[in-house]
C-alpha cells in the first residue's frame, strides 16, 4: 500500500470582477476568508483581459466577505472581462487568486497544510508552544 503524496495544493479563489480604480478591488466567487496582510498571486488568462495583473504578487490592504482591496492604481489597466455561469468557458478560463502567505497571527492558529507537508509528529514550534508542526 502506498502512502498519499506529500505535497500541498494551495486554495484557489475564483475572480468574478476587477475594478479599474484607485484603489483597486477584486470581487471573488464566494467568501474568500482572507485578512488584511495576506500576500496573493493573481492569475488571469489572456481571454479575460487585464494582463497587467497577471502573475502579480500583492498584499491585501482590506477585505470584506467577497471583495479584496489593494493599494494599486488600476485605472489605466485593460478591463477585466467578467463572465459567469452558464457561460461554457466560466470554469475553464477564470481569473484566480492563489494565497502565498498570511500574517503571523493568522498562521499561528492555522492547521498546517492539513498534515500534507509537515507531519504533526515533530512537536511544538520553538518559542511558540501553541503551534505544533
Protein backbone atom coordinates (compact mmCIF):
# COMPACT_ATOMS: atom_id res chain seq x y z
CA UNK A 1 0.00 0.00 0.00
CA UNK A 2 1.48 3.35 -1.00
CA UNK A 3 1.25 6.48 1.10
CA UNK A 4 -0.58 9.60 -0.02
CA UNK A 5 1.59 12.10 -1.92
CA UNK A 6 3.35 14.60 0.31
CA UNK A 7 2.53 17.89 -1.45
CA UNK A 8 0.44 20.96 -0.81
CA UNK A 9 -2.23 22.26 -3.16
CA UNK A 10 -3.00 25.92 -2.33
CA UNK A 11 -6.53 27.19 -2.09
CA UNK A 12 -7.59 28.89 -5.32
CA UNK A 13 -10.16 31.66 -5.32
CA UNK A 14 -12.17 32.47 -8.44
CA UNK A 15 -12.19 36.11 -9.59
CA UNK A 16 -15.59 37.45 -10.67
CA UNK A 17 -14.67 41.08 -11.34
CA UNK A 18 -11.79 43.55 -11.01
CA UNK A 19 -12.28 47.31 -10.89
CA UNK A 20 -10.37 49.87 -12.92
CA UNK A 21 -9.91 52.23 -9.99
CA UNK A 22 -7.57 53.60 -7.35
CA UNK A 23 -7.54 51.69 -5.03
CA UNK A 24 -8.28 48.50 -6.97
CA UNK A 25 -10.87 45.95 -5.82
CA UNK A 26 -11.25 42.29 -6.75
CA UNK A 27 -14.59 40.55 -6.27
CA UNK A 28 -14.41 36.81 -5.61
CA UNK A 29 -16.83 33.96 -6.16
CA UNK A 30 -17.93 33.35 -2.55
CA UNK A 31 -16.30 34.23 0.76
CA UNK A 32 -12.51 34.36 0.38
CA UNK A 33 -11.67 34.18 4.11
CA UNK A 34 -8.54 36.36 3.73
CA UNK A 35 -7.33 39.02 6.13
CA UNK A 36 -5.51 42.29 5.62
CA UNK A 37 -1.83 41.49 5.12
CA UNK A 38 -2.33 38.26 3.16
CA UNK A 39 0.00 38.01 0.17
CA UNK A 40 -1.55 36.64 -3.01
CA UNK A 41 -0.64 35.89 -6.62
CA UNK A 42 -3.17 36.92 -9.27
CA UNK A 43 -3.52 34.66 -12.31
CA UNK A 44 -5.56 35.90 -15.27
CA UNK A 45 -5.99 34.03 -18.57
CA UNK A 46 -5.47 36.17 -21.68
CA UNK A 47 -9.12 35.64 -22.61
CA UNK A 48 -10.16 37.63 -19.50
CA UNK A 49 -8.08 40.74 -20.25
CA UNK A 50 -6.26 42.88 -17.63
CA UNK A 51 -2.93 41.20 -18.31
CA UNK A 52 -1.18 43.96 -16.33
CA UNK A 53 -2.19 41.98 -13.21
CA UNK A 54 -1.32 38.50 -14.46
CA UNK A 55 1.23 36.82 -12.18
CA UNK A 56 1.39 39.86 -9.89
CA UNK A 57 2.18 39.23 -6.23
CA UNK A 58 0.48 41.77 -4.00
CA UNK A 59 -0.57 42.31 -0.38
CA UNK A 60 -4.25 42.59 0.57
CA UNK A 61 -4.93 46.07 2.00
CA UNK A 62 -8.56 45.49 3.05
CA UNK A 63 -11.27 42.92 2.65
CA UNK A 64 -14.90 42.02 3.16
CA UNK A 65 -16.69 38.70 2.57
CA UNK A 66 -16.33 38.62 -1.23
CA UNK A 67 -14.19 41.65 -2.05
CA UNK A 68 -10.48 42.43 -1.61
CA UNK A 69 -8.93 45.90 -1.72
CA UNK A 70 -5.40 46.76 -2.82
CA UNK A 71 -3.22 49.88 -2.77
CA UNK A 72 -2.83 49.73 -6.54
CA UNK A 73 -3.98 52.12 -9.27
CA UNK A 74 -5.63 50.04 -12.00
CA UNK A 75 -7.40 52.94 -13.74
CA UNK A 76 -5.26 52.59 -16.89
CA UNK A 77 -5.29 48.78 -16.98
CA UNK A 78 -7.20 46.89 -19.67
CA UNK A 79 -10.69 45.92 -18.47
CA UNK A 80 -11.26 42.55 -16.82
CA UNK A 81 -13.77 40.56 -18.88
CA UNK A 82 -16.34 39.18 -16.48
CA UNK A 83 -18.22 36.04 -17.44
CA UNK A 84 -20.35 33.90 -15.21
CA UNK A 85 -22.31 30.65 -15.41
CA UNK A 86 -23.86 29.44 -17.66
CA UNK A 87 -21.08 30.69 -20.00
CA UNK A 88 -19.30 27.49 -21.16
CA UNK A 89 -15.80 28.92 -20.55
CA UNK A 90 -16.56 30.10 -17.00
CA UNK A 91 -14.98 27.10 -15.27
CA UNK A 92 -12.08 26.56 -17.64
CA UNK A 93 -10.82 30.11 -18.11
CA UNK A 94 -11.30 32.08 -14.93
CA UNK A 95 -9.03 34.51 -13.15
CA UNK A 96 -7.73 33.04 -9.92
CA UNK A 97 -6.11 34.14 -6.70
CA UNK A 98 -3.52 31.93 -5.04
CA UNK A 99 -2.71 32.65 -1.40
CA UNK A 100 1.06 32.79 -0.94
CA UNK A 101 1.37 33.96 2.68
CA UNK A 102 -0.57 35.41 5.56
CA UNK A 103 0.46 37.36 8.62
CA UNK A 104 1.94 35.50 11.58
CA UNK A 105 -1.16 35.72 13.78
CA UNK A 106 -3.31 34.10 11.12
CA UNK A 107 -0.81 31.29 10.64
CA UNK A 108 -0.32 30.93 14.39
CA UNK A 109 -3.80 29.41 14.72
CA UNK A 110 -3.93 27.57 11.38
CA UNK A 111 -3.86 23.85 10.87
CA UNK A 112 -0.62 23.41 8.96
CA UNK A 113 -1.24 22.17 5.43
CA UNK A 114 -3.84 19.67 6.57
CA UNK A 115 -0.96 17.34 7.54
CA UNK A 116 0.21 17.12 3.90
CA UNK A 117 3.71 18.56 4.19
CA UNK A 118 4.81 18.58 7.79
CA UNK A 119 3.64 15.65 9.91
CA UNK A 120 2.44 16.57 13.39
CA UNK A 121 4.98 14.21 14.93
CA UNK A 122 7.57 16.99 15.07
CA UNK A 123 6.09 18.65 18.16
CA UNK A 124 5.78 22.31 19.10
CA UNK A 125 7.41 25.14 17.18
CA UNK A 126 10.36 26.58 19.17
CA UNK A 127 9.39 29.67 21.18
CA UNK A 128 5.70 29.11 20.40
CA UNK A 129 4.11 26.18 22.24
CA UNK A 130 0.67 26.92 20.70
CA UNK A 131 1.80 25.79 17.23
CA UNK A 132 2.56 22.14 16.54
CA UNK A 133 4.09 21.03 13.27
